[in-house]
Amino acid sequence: MIEVTGRRTVLAERAWPGAGLAKSAILVVGGALITALGSQIEIPLLPVPITGQTFGVLLVGALLGSRRGPASMLVYVGMGALGLPVFAGGASGLARLAGPTAGYLVGFVVAAGIVGLLSQRGWDRRIVSTAAAMAIGTLVIYAFGVAWLAHFVGWGRVLATGVFPFLVGDALKLCLAALALPWAWRLVGEPDRP
């Protein structure tokens, strides 16, 4: 189904058709909870553990679209700022919004919006385009995270501390999303045609 605006339906809209403020609120809060849950999933690897946090961010963006996805990440960040242990490792508090990883949190909001927009354009229907959308989202998260982290560790160390340790985990999460989203589209029916 192509809407008047030319925007395609995202997976959440296909799986749960209809409109309304209550539905949007449930989806936005649900997306924040998915990200919070993903943040607590940890696979211990060296030099850093792999968490499901960025997977949750990008998945929620793809599922909810360019408006609800970033709104969900704002709720997620707000939950953490209010003291709920939703960040990686159960962290929380206002200090996280000014600490070394604050740039990544900002990147979550922007990345969810960009991945959501790409999904609205059909990028989440095929494996290769889903992988590309997730890679773009990951690069956005890195861009914001690295730019902020550099103020704490210096530009000489920022890639070694804020990017390189996470590449393997992020590549695995990208592959998982590239398989899961097109498969989910097949479960809910034929993808929209342009």
N, C-alpha and C. Protein backbone atom coordinates (compact mmCIF):
# COMPACT_ATOMS: atom_id res chain seq x y z
N MET A 1 0.83 -1.17 0.00
CA MET A 1 0.00 0.00 0.00
C MET A 1 0.88 1.24 0.00
N ILE A 2 0.76 2.09 -0.98
CA ILE A 2 1.52 3.33 -1.05
C ILE A 2 0.62 4.46 -0.59
N GLU A 3 1.12 5.23 0.36
CA GLU A 3 0.33 6.33 0.87
C GLU A 3 0.41 7.52 -0.07
N VAL A 4 -0.45 8.50 0.15
CA VAL A 4 -0.52 9.68 -0.72
C VAL A 4 0.82 10.40 -0.78
N THR A 5 1.56 10.39 0.31
CA THR A 5 2.84 11.08 0.37
C THR A 5 3.93 10.35 -0.41
N GLY A 6 3.65 9.13 -0.86
CA GLY A 6 4.66 8.33 -1.52
C GLY A 6 5.49 7.53 -0.54
N ARG A 7 5.23 7.70 0.74
CA ARG A 7 5.95 6.98 1.78
C ARG A 7 5.41 5.57 1.89
N ARG A 8 6.30 4.61 1.93
CA ARG A 8 5.88 3.22 2.10
C ARG A 8 5.58 2.93 3.56
N THR A 9 4.85 1.88 3.76
CA THR A 9 4.52 1.42 5.10
C THR A 9 5.76 0.79 5.74
N VAL A 10 5.98 1.09 7.02
CA VAL A 10 7.04 0.39 7.75
C VAL A 10 6.44 -0.87 8.36
N LEU A 11 7.30 -1.74 8.81
CA LEU A 11 6.88 -3.06 9.28
C LEU A 11 5.85 -2.98 10.42
N ALA A 12 6.04 -2.08 11.36
CA ALA A 12 5.09 -1.96 12.47
C ALA A 12 3.70 -1.58 11.97
N GLU A 13 3.64 -0.72 10.96
CA GLU A 13 2.34 -0.32 10.40
C GLU A 13 1.69 -1.47 9.64
N ARG A 14 2.49 -2.28 8.98
CA ARG A 14 1.94 -3.43 8.26
C ARG A 14 1.45 -4.48 9.24
N ALA A 15 2.21 -4.72 10.29
CA ALA A 15 1.84 -5.74 11.27
C ALA A 15 0.66 -5.30 12.13
N TRP A 16 0.56 -3.98 12.37
CA TRP A 16 -0.51 -3.45 13.22
C TRP A 16 -1.12 -2.24 12.52
N PRO A 17 -2.02 -2.45 11.58
CA PRO A 17 -2.59 -1.35 10.81
C PRO A 17 -3.48 -0.46 11.68
N GLY A 18 -3.69 0.74 11.19
CA GLY A 18 -4.55 1.69 11.89
C GLY A 18 -3.76 2.89 12.35
N ALA A 19 -4.47 3.84 12.89
CA ALA A 19 -3.84 5.07 13.34
C ALA A 19 -4.31 5.36 14.76
N GLY A 20 -3.77 6.40 15.32
CA GLY A 20 -4.22 6.84 16.63
C GLY A 20 -3.06 7.13 17.55
N LEU A 21 -3.32 8.04 18.47
CA LEU A 21 -2.31 8.45 19.43
C LEU A 21 -1.92 7.30 20.36
N ALA A 22 -2.91 6.54 20.80
CA ALA A 22 -2.61 5.42 21.71
C ALA A 22 -1.69 4.40 21.03
N LYS A 23 -1.96 4.09 19.77
CA LYS A 23 -1.12 3.15 19.04
C LYS A 23 0.30 3.70 18.92
N SER A 24 0.43 4.97 18.56
CA SER A 24 1.76 5.57 18.43
C SER A 24 2.50 5.54 19.76
N ALA A 25 1.80 5.86 20.85
CA ALA A 25 2.44 5.85 22.17
C ALA A 25 2.92 4.45 22.53
N ILE A 26 2.10 3.46 22.27
CA ILE A 26 2.48 2.07 22.57
C ILE A 26 3.71 1.67 21.75
N LEU A 27 3.73 2.02 20.47
CA LEU A 27 4.87 1.68 19.62
C LEU A 27 6.14 2.40 20.07
N VAL A 28 6.02 3.68 20.41
CA VAL A 28 7.19 4.45 20.83
C VAL A 28 7.75 3.91 22.14
N VAL A 29 6.90 3.70 23.12
CA VAL A 29 7.36 3.16 24.40
C VAL A 29 7.87 1.73 24.22
N GLY A 30 7.18 0.95 23.40
CA GLY A 30 7.65 -0.41 23.12
C GLY A 30 9.03 -0.42 22.50
N GLY A 31 9.28 0.50 21.57
CA GLY A 31 10.61 0.60 20.96
C GLY A 31 11.68 0.96 21.98
N ALA A 32 11.35 1.86 22.90
CA ALA A 32 12.29 2.22 23.96
C ALA A 32 12.59 1.00 24.84
N LEU A 33 11.57 0.22 25.13
CA LEU A 33 11.76 -0.98 25.95
C LEU A 33 12.57 -2.05 25.22
N ILE A 34 12.37 -2.18 23.91
CA ILE A 34 13.18 -3.11 23.12
C ILE A 34 14.65 -2.72 23.20
N THR A 35 14.92 -1.42 23.06
CA THR A 35 16.30 -0.94 23.13
C THR A 35 16.87 -1.15 24.52
N ALA A 36 16.07 -0.88 25.55
CA ALA A 36 16.52 -1.08 26.93
C ALA A 36 16.85 -2.55 27.18
N LEU A 37 16.01 -3.43 26.70
CA LEU A 37 16.25 -4.87 26.86
C LEU A 37 17.52 -5.27 26.10
N GLY A 38 17.66 -4.78 24.88
CA GLY A 38 18.86 -5.07 24.10
C GLY A 38 20.13 -4.60 24.78
N SER A 39 20.03 -3.49 25.49
CA SER A 39 21.19 -2.94 26.19
C SER A 39 21.68 -3.86 27.30
N GLN A 40 20.78 -4.68 27.82
CA GLN A 40 21.14 -5.57 28.92
C GLN A 40 21.64 -6.93 28.43
N ILE A 41 21.45 -7.21 27.15
CA ILE A 41 21.96 -8.46 26.58
C ILE A 41 23.43 -8.27 26.27
N GLU A 42 24.26 -9.10 26.86
CA GLU A 42 25.70 -8.92 26.72
C GLU A 42 26.37 -10.25 26.41
N ILE A 43 27.17 -10.24 25.35
CA ILE A 43 27.98 -11.40 25.00
C ILE A 43 29.42 -11.03 25.32
N PRO A 44 30.02 -11.68 26.32
CA PRO A 44 31.35 -11.27 26.75
C PRO A 44 32.43 -11.67 25.74
N LEU A 45 32.95 -10.69 25.06
CA LEU A 45 34.07 -10.89 24.14
C LEU A 45 35.14 -9.86 24.46
N LEU A 46 36.34 -10.12 24.03
CA LEU A 46 37.43 -9.16 24.22
C LEU A 46 37.65 -8.40 22.92
N PRO A 47 38.00 -7.14 22.94
CA PRO A 47 38.30 -6.34 24.12
C PRO A 47 37.07 -5.76 24.82
N VAL A 48 35.92 -5.75 24.16
CA VAL A 48 34.71 -5.24 24.81
C VAL A 48 33.56 -6.21 24.53
N PRO A 49 32.60 -6.28 25.44
CA PRO A 49 31.47 -7.17 25.20
C PRO A 49 30.56 -6.61 24.11
N ILE A 50 29.84 -7.51 23.46
CA ILE A 50 28.84 -7.10 22.47
C ILE A 50 27.51 -6.99 23.21
N THR A 51 26.85 -5.85 23.07
CA THR A 51 25.51 -5.72 23.64
C THR A 51 24.51 -5.58 22.50
N GLY A 52 23.25 -5.71 22.82
CA GLY A 52 22.20 -5.56 21.83
C GLY A 52 21.70 -4.13 21.70
N GLN A 53 22.40 -3.18 22.33
CA GLN A 53 21.92 -1.80 22.36
C GLN A 53 21.78 -1.19 20.97
N THR A 54 22.85 -1.18 20.19
CA THR A 54 22.75 -0.56 18.86
C THR A 54 21.86 -1.37 17.93
N PHE A 55 21.81 -2.68 18.13
CA PHE A 55 20.87 -3.49 17.35
C PHE A 55 19.45 -3.03 17.63
N GLY A 56 19.13 -2.81 18.90
CA GLY A 56 17.81 -2.31 19.27
C GLY A 56 17.51 -0.97 18.64
N VAL A 57 18.48 -0.07 18.68
CA VAL A 57 18.30 1.27 18.11
C VAL A 57 17.94 1.18 16.63
N LEU A 58 18.75 0.45 15.88
CA LEU A 58 18.55 0.37 14.43
C LEU A 58 17.30 -0.43 14.07
N LEU A 59 17.03 -1.48 14.81
CA LEU A 59 15.83 -2.27 14.57
C LEU A 59 14.58 -1.44 14.82
N VAL A 60 14.57 -0.70 15.91
CA VAL A 60 13.42 0.15 16.23
C VAL A 60 13.24 1.22 15.16
N GLY A 61 14.32 1.81 14.70
CA GLY A 61 14.21 2.79 13.61
C GLY A 61 13.57 2.17 12.38
N ALA A 62 14.02 0.98 12.02
CA ALA A 62 13.47 0.31 10.84
C ALA A 62 12.01 -0.08 11.04
N LEU A 63 11.67 -0.55 12.21
CA LEU A 63 10.30 -1.00 12.48
C LEU A 63 9.31 0.15 12.56
N LEU A 64 9.73 1.27 13.15
CA LEU A 64 8.79 2.35 13.47
C LEU A 64 8.81 3.51 12.49
N GLY A 65 9.89 3.69 11.73
CA GLY A 65 9.92 4.77 10.76
C GLY A 65 10.61 6.03 11.27
N SER A 66 10.59 7.05 10.43
CA SER A 66 11.39 8.26 10.66
C SER A 66 10.83 9.19 11.73
N ARG A 67 9.63 8.97 12.20
CA ARG A 67 9.09 9.80 13.29
C ARG A 67 9.05 9.04 14.60
N ARG A 68 8.44 7.88 14.57
CA ARG A 68 8.31 7.10 15.80
C ARG A 68 9.66 6.53 16.26
N GLY A 69 10.54 6.20 15.32
CA GLY A 69 11.85 5.66 15.69
C GLY A 69 12.65 6.62 16.55
N PRO A 70 12.88 7.87 16.09
CA PRO A 70 13.61 8.81 16.93
C PRO A 70 12.85 9.17 18.21
N ALA A 71 11.52 9.23 18.13
CA ALA A 71 10.74 9.51 19.33
C ALA A 71 10.97 8.42 20.37
N SER A 72 11.05 7.19 19.91
CA SER A 72 11.31 6.06 20.79
C SER A 72 12.68 6.18 21.44
N MET A 73 13.68 6.63 20.68
CA MET A 73 15.02 6.79 21.24
C MET A 73 15.06 7.95 22.24
N LEU A 74 14.28 9.00 22.00
CA LEU A 74 14.19 10.08 22.98
C LEU A 74 13.58 9.57 24.29
N VAL A 75 12.57 8.72 24.19
CA VAL A 75 11.98 8.12 25.39
C VAL A 75 13.02 7.25 26.09
N TYR A 76 13.76 6.47 25.32
CA TYR A 76 14.81 5.61 25.88
C TYR A 76 15.85 6.44 26.63
N VAL A 77 16.35 7.49 26.00
CA VAL A 77 17.34 8.36 26.65
C VAL A 77 16.73 9.02 27.88
N GLY A 78 15.49 9.45 27.77
CA GLY A 78 14.80 10.06 28.91
C GLY A 78 14.66 9.09 30.07
N MET A 79 14.34 7.85 29.77
CA MET A 79 14.23 6.83 30.82
C MET A 79 15.56 6.69 31.57
N GLY A 80 16.65 6.64 30.81
CA GLY A 80 17.96 6.54 31.43
C GLY A 80 18.33 7.77 32.22
N ALA A 81 18.00 8.94 31.69
CA ALA A 81 18.29 10.19 32.39
C ALA A 81 17.54 10.28 33.71
N LEU A 82 16.34 9.71 33.74
CA LEU A 82 15.53 9.73 34.97
C LEU A 82 15.97 8.69 36.00
N GLY A 83 16.96 7.89 35.64
CA GLY A 83 17.50 6.94 36.60
C GLY A 83 17.13 5.49 36.39
N LEU A 84 16.34 5.21 35.37
CA LEU A 84 16.02 3.81 35.09
C LEU A 84 17.25 3.14 34.48
N PRO A 85 17.61 1.94 34.90
CA PRO A 85 18.85 1.30 34.44
C PRO A 85 18.72 0.70 33.03
N VAL A 86 18.55 1.57 32.04
CA VAL A 86 18.28 1.10 30.68
C VAL A 86 19.49 1.15 29.76
N PHE A 87 20.54 1.85 30.15
CA PHE A 87 21.71 1.93 29.29
C PHE A 87 22.54 0.65 29.44
N ALA A 88 23.52 0.48 28.57
CA ALA A 88 24.36 -0.72 28.60
C ALA A 88 24.93 -0.95 29.99
N GLY A 89 24.88 -2.19 30.41
CA GLY A 89 25.40 -2.54 31.73
C GLY A 89 24.53 -2.07 32.88
N GLY A 90 23.31 -1.65 32.61
CA GLY A 90 22.42 -1.17 33.66
C GLY A 90 22.70 0.24 34.12
N ALA A 91 23.48 0.97 33.35
CA ALA A 91 23.83 2.35 33.72
C ALA A 91 22.62 3.27 33.54
N SER A 92 22.65 4.40 34.25
CA SER A 92 21.59 5.39 34.13
C SER A 92 22.07 6.70 34.74
N GLY A 93 21.22 7.71 34.67
CA GLY A 93 21.49 8.99 35.31
C GLY A 93 21.82 10.10 34.34
N LEU A 94 21.61 11.32 34.82
CA LEU A 94 21.89 12.50 34.01
C LEU A 94 23.35 12.61 33.61
N ALA A 95 24.25 12.10 34.45
CA ALA A 95 25.68 12.18 34.14
C ALA A 95 26.01 11.50 32.81
N ARG A 96 25.24 10.49 32.44
CA ARG A 96 25.46 9.79 31.17
C ARG A 96 25.22 10.71 29.98
N LEU A 97 24.41 11.75 30.17
CA LEU A 97 24.12 12.67 29.07
C LEU A 97 25.21 13.70 28.88
N ALA A 98 26.19 13.72 29.76
CA ALA A 98 27.33 14.62 29.61
C ALA A 98 28.65 13.87 29.63
N GLY A 99 28.62 12.57 29.86
CA GLY A 99 29.84 11.78 29.96
C GLY A 99 30.39 11.38 28.60
N PRO A 100 31.41 10.54 28.61
CA PRO A 100 32.10 10.17 27.37
C PRO A 100 31.22 9.51 26.32
N THR A 101 30.16 8.83 26.73
CA THR A 101 29.33 8.12 25.76
C THR A 101 28.08 8.89 25.35
N ALA A 102 27.95 10.13 25.77
CA ALA A 102 26.75 10.92 25.45
C ALA A 102 26.56 11.10 23.95
N GLY A 103 27.63 11.22 23.21
CA GLY A 103 27.52 11.38 21.76
C GLY A 103 26.85 10.19 21.09
N TYR A 104 27.11 9.01 21.63
CA TYR A 104 26.46 7.82 21.08
C TYR A 104 24.95 7.88 21.32
N LEU A 105 24.54 8.39 22.48
CA LEU A 105 23.11 8.51 22.78
C LEU A 105 22.43 9.47 21.81
N VAL A 106 23.08 10.57 21.50
CA VAL A 106 22.54 11.51 20.50
C VAL A 106 22.49 10.81 19.15
N GLY A 107 23.54 10.07 18.83
CA GLY A 107 23.58 9.33 17.57
C GLY A 107 22.46 8.31 17.45
N PHE A 108 22.03 7.75 18.58
CA PHE A 108 20.91 6.80 18.55
C PHE A 108 19.66 7.45 17.98
N VAL A 109 19.38 8.66 18.43
CA VAL A 109 18.17 9.37 17.98
C VAL A 109 18.25 9.64 16.48
N VAL A 110 19.38 10.17 16.04
CA VAL A 110 19.55 10.52 14.63
C VAL A 110 19.56 9.25 13.76
N ALA A 111 20.28 8.23 14.20
CA ALA A 111 20.35 6.98 13.42
C ALA A 111 18.99 6.32 13.29
N ALA A 112 18.20 6.32 14.35
CA ALA A 112 16.86 5.73 14.28
C ALA A 112 16.02 6.47 13.24
N GLY A 113 16.18 7.79 13.18
CA GLY A 113 15.44 8.57 12.18
C GLY A 113 15.88 8.26 10.76
N ILE A 114 17.17 8.16 10.55
CA ILE A 114 17.69 7.89 9.20
C ILE A 114 17.32 6.47 8.76
N VAL A 115 17.52 5.50 9.63
CA VAL A 115 17.15 4.12 9.28
C VAL A 115 15.65 4.03 9.06
N GLY A 116 14.88 4.75 9.86
CA GLY A 116 13.43 4.78 9.67
C GLY A 116 13.04 5.35 8.32
N LEU A 117 13.70 6.42 7.92
CA LEU A 117 13.43 7.02 6.62
C LEU A 117 13.80 6.05 5.49
N LEU A 118 14.93 5.40 5.61
CA LEU A 118 15.34 4.43 4.60
C LEU A 118 14.35 3.27 4.53
N SER A 119 13.85 2.84 5.67
CA SER A 119 12.85 1.77 5.69
C SER A 119 11.56 2.22 5.01
N GLN A 120 11.18 3.45 5.22
CA GLN A 120 9.99 3.99 4.56
C GLN A 120 10.17 4.03 3.05
N ARG A 121 11.41 4.01 2.61
CA ARG A 121 11.70 3.99 1.18
C ARG A 121 11.95 2.57 0.68
N GLY A 122 11.71 1.59 1.53
CA GLY A 122 11.79 0.20 1.11
C GLY A 122 13.12 -0.49 1.32
N TRP A 123 14.06 0.14 1.99
CA TRP A 123 15.38 -0.45 2.17
C TRP A 123 15.38 -1.66 3.08
N ASP A 124 14.34 -1.88 3.86
CA ASP A 124 14.33 -2.99 4.81
C ASP A 124 13.67 -4.24 4.24
N ARG A 125 13.41 -4.26 2.94
CA ARG A 125 12.70 -5.39 2.33
C ARG A 125 13.64 -6.45 1.76
N ARG A 126 14.86 -6.11 1.48
CA ARG A 126 15.82 -7.03 0.87
C ARG A 126 17.10 -7.07 1.71
N ILE A 127 17.80 -8.18 1.64
CA ILE A 127 18.98 -8.37 2.49
C ILE A 127 20.04 -7.31 2.26
N VAL A 128 20.43 -7.07 1.01
CA VAL A 128 21.52 -6.14 0.73
C VAL A 128 21.15 -4.71 1.12
N SER A 129 19.95 -4.28 0.78
CA SER A 129 19.56 -2.90 1.12
C SER A 129 19.36 -2.74 2.62
N THR A 130 18.90 -3.79 3.29
CA THR A 130 18.78 -3.72 4.76
C THR A 130 20.17 -3.58 5.38
N ALA A 131 21.12 -4.36 4.89
CA ALA A 131 22.49 -4.26 5.39
C ALA A 131 23.04 -2.86 5.17
N ALA A 132 22.77 -2.28 4.01
CA ALA A 132 23.23 -0.92 3.73
C ALA A 132 22.60 0.09 4.68
N ALA A 133 21.30 -0.04 4.93
CA ALA A 133 20.62 0.88 5.85
C ALA A 133 21.21 0.76 7.25
N MET A 134 21.46 -0.46 7.70
CA MET A 134 22.03 -0.67 9.03
C MET A 134 23.46 -0.14 9.11
N ALA A 135 24.22 -0.29 8.02
CA ALA A 135 25.58 0.25 7.99
C ALA A 135 25.56 1.77 8.08
N ILE A 136 24.65 2.40 7.37
CA ILE A 136 24.52 3.86 7.43
C ILE A 136 24.16 4.28 8.85
N GLY A 137 23.20 3.60 9.45
CA GLY A 137 22.81 3.92 10.82
C GLY A 137 23.97 3.76 11.79
N THR A 138 24.73 2.69 11.62
CA THR A 138 25.89 2.46 12.48
C THR A 138 26.92 3.56 12.32
N LEU A 139 27.17 3.98 11.08
CA LEU A 139 28.13 5.07 10.84
C LEU A 139 27.66 6.37 11.48
N VAL A 140 26.37 6.62 11.46
CA VAL A 140 25.83 7.83 12.12
C VAL A 140 26.08 7.76 13.62
N ILE A 141 25.83 6.61 14.22
CA ILE A 141 26.08 6.45 15.66
C ILE A 141 27.56 6.69 15.95
N TYR A 142 28.43 6.09 15.15
CA TYR A 142 29.87 6.29 15.33
C TYR A 142 30.24 7.77 15.18
N ALA A 143 29.70 8.44 14.19
CA ALA A 143 30.06 9.84 13.94
C ALA A 143 29.76 10.71 15.16
N PHE A 144 28.56 10.58 15.70
CA PHE A 144 28.21 11.37 16.88
C PHE A 144 29.01 10.92 18.10
N GLY A 145 29.15 9.61 18.26
CA GLY A 145 29.87 9.09 19.41
C GLY A 145 31.33 9.48 19.42
N VAL A 146 31.98 9.33 18.29
CA VAL A 146 33.41 9.64 18.18
C VAL A 146 33.66 11.14 18.36
N ALA A 147 32.82 11.96 17.75
CA ALA A 147 33.00 13.41 17.87
C ALA A 147 32.95 13.86 19.33
N TRP A 148 32.05 13.27 20.11
CA TRP A 148 31.94 13.64 21.52
C TRP A 148 33.03 12.97 22.36
N LEU A 149 33.28 11.70 22.12
CA LEU A 149 34.27 10.95 22.88
C LEU A 149 35.67 11.56 22.74
N ALA A 150 35.96 12.14 21.60
CA ALA A 150 37.28 12.74 21.37
C ALA A 150 37.60 13.83 22.39
N HIS A 151 36.59 14.49 22.91
CA HIS A 151 36.81 15.52 23.93
C HIS A 151 37.34 14.92 25.23
N PHE A 152 37.11 13.64 25.42
CA PHE A 152 37.52 12.97 26.65
C PHE A 152 38.81 12.18 26.50
N VAL A 153 39.02 11.56 25.34
CA VAL A 153 40.20 10.71 25.17
C VAL A 153 41.20 11.25 24.15
N GLY A 154 40.84 12.32 23.45
CA GLY A 154 41.71 12.89 22.43
C GLY A 154 41.53 12.22 21.08
N TRP A 155 41.81 12.98 20.04
CA TRP A 155 41.62 12.46 18.68
C TRP A 155 42.57 11.32 18.36
N GLY A 156 43.72 11.27 19.02
CA GLY A 156 44.68 10.21 18.77
C GLY A 156 44.22 8.84 19.25
N ARG A 157 43.34 8.81 20.24
CA ARG A 157 42.89 7.54 20.81
C ARG A 157 41.44 7.21 20.54
N VAL A 158 40.72 8.12 19.91
CA VAL A 158 39.27 7.95 19.82
C VAL A 158 38.84 6.73 18.99
N LEU A 159 39.52 6.45 17.91
CA LEU A 159 39.15 5.28 17.10
C LEU A 159 39.47 3.99 17.84
N ALA A 160 40.59 3.98 18.55
CA ALA A 160 40.99 2.78 19.29
C ALA A 160 40.06 2.49 20.45
N THR A 161 39.44 3.52 21.02
CA THR A 161 38.56 3.29 22.16
C THR A 161 37.08 3.31 21.80
N GLY A 162 36.71 4.05 20.76
CA GLY A 162 35.29 4.24 20.47
C GLY A 162 34.77 3.60 19.20
N VAL A 163 35.65 2.99 18.40
CA VAL A 163 35.19 2.37 17.15
C VAL A 163 35.73 0.95 16.99
N PHE A 164 37.04 0.81 16.92
CA PHE A 164 37.64 -0.48 16.59
C PHE A 164 37.17 -1.64 17.47
N PRO A 165 37.04 -1.45 18.79
CA PRO A 165 36.59 -2.58 19.61
C PRO A 165 35.17 -3.06 19.29
N PHE A 166 34.38 -2.22 18.64
CA PHE A 166 32.97 -2.54 18.40
C PHE A 166 32.68 -3.04 16.99
N LEU A 167 33.66 -3.02 16.11
CA LEU A 167 33.41 -3.34 14.70
C LEU A 167 32.89 -4.77 14.49
N VAL A 168 33.49 -5.73 15.15
CA VAL A 168 33.06 -7.12 14.96
C VAL A 168 31.62 -7.30 15.43
N GLY A 169 31.32 -6.81 16.61
CA GLY A 169 29.96 -6.91 17.13
C GLY A 169 28.95 -6.20 16.26
N ASP A 170 29.30 -5.02 15.80
CA ASP A 170 28.37 -4.27 14.94
C ASP A 170 28.17 -4.97 13.60
N ALA A 171 29.21 -5.60 13.08
CA ALA A 171 29.06 -6.35 11.83
C ALA A 171 28.12 -7.54 12.02
N LEU A 172 28.23 -8.22 13.16
CA LEU A 172 27.34 -9.34 13.44
C LEU A 172 25.89 -8.87 13.57
N LYS A 173 25.69 -7.74 14.26
CA LYS A 173 24.33 -7.21 14.42
C LYS A 173 23.76 -6.76 13.08
N LEU A 174 24.60 -6.20 12.23
CA LEU A 174 24.17 -5.78 10.90
C LEU A 174 23.69 -6.99 10.10
N CYS A 175 24.45 -8.07 10.15
CA CYS A 175 24.07 -9.29 9.43
C CYS A 175 22.76 -9.87 9.97
N LEU A 176 22.60 -9.86 11.28
CA LEU A 176 21.37 -10.36 11.88
C LEU A 176 20.16 -9.55 11.41
N ALA A 177 20.29 -8.23 11.42
CA ALA A 177 19.19 -7.37 10.96
C ALA A 177 18.92 -7.58 9.48
N ALA A 178 19.99 -7.74 8.69
CA ALA A 178 19.82 -7.92 7.24
C ALA A 178 19.08 -9.20 6.91
N LEU A 179 19.14 -10.17 7.78
CA LEU A 179 18.39 -11.41 7.58
C LEU A 179 16.99 -11.32 8.20
N ALA A 180 16.90 -10.72 9.38
CA ALA A 180 15.64 -10.71 10.13
C ALA A 180 14.56 -9.82 9.51
N LEU A 181 14.91 -8.63 9.09
CA LEU A 181 13.88 -7.71 8.60
C LEU A 181 13.22 -8.18 7.31
N PRO A 182 13.98 -8.57 6.28
CA PRO A 182 13.30 -9.09 5.09
C PRO A 182 12.46 -10.34 5.39
N TRP A 183 12.94 -11.19 6.28
CA TRP A 183 12.18 -12.37 6.67
C TRP A 183 10.87 -11.96 7.35
N ALA A 184 10.93 -10.96 8.24
CA ALA A 184 9.72 -10.48 8.91
C ALA A 184 8.72 -9.91 7.91
N TRP A 185 9.24 -9.22 6.88
CA TRP A 185 8.34 -8.71 5.84
C TRP A 185 7.61 -9.85 5.13
N ARG A 186 8.31 -10.94 4.91
CA ARG A 186 7.66 -12.08 4.25
C ARG A 186 6.57 -12.67 5.14
N LEU A 187 6.78 -12.62 6.45
CA LEU A 187 5.77 -13.14 7.39
C LEU A 187 4.48 -12.32 7.37
N VAL A 188 4.61 -11.00 7.22
CA VAL A 188 3.41 -10.15 7.28
C VAL A 188 2.79 -9.91 5.92
N GLY A 189 3.41 -10.39 4.88
CA GLY A 189 2.82 -10.24 3.55
C GLY A 189 3.78 -9.62 2.57
N GLU A 190 3.36 -9.60 1.33
CA GLU A 190 4.18 -9.07 0.24
C GLU A 190 4.54 -7.62 0.50
N PRO A 191 5.82 -7.25 0.39
CA PRO A 191 6.22 -5.85 0.57
C PRO A 191 5.52 -4.93 -0.43
N ASP A 192 5.40 -3.68 -0.02
CA ASP A 192 4.81 -2.67 -0.90
C ASP A 192 5.58 -2.58 -2.20
N ARG A 193 4.90 -2.33 -3.26
CA ARG A 193 5.52 -2.13 -4.57
C ARG A 193 5.50 -0.64 -4.89
N PRO A 194 6.59 -0.12 -5.48
CA PRO A 194 6.59 1.30 -5.83
C PRO A 194 5.58 1.63 -6.90
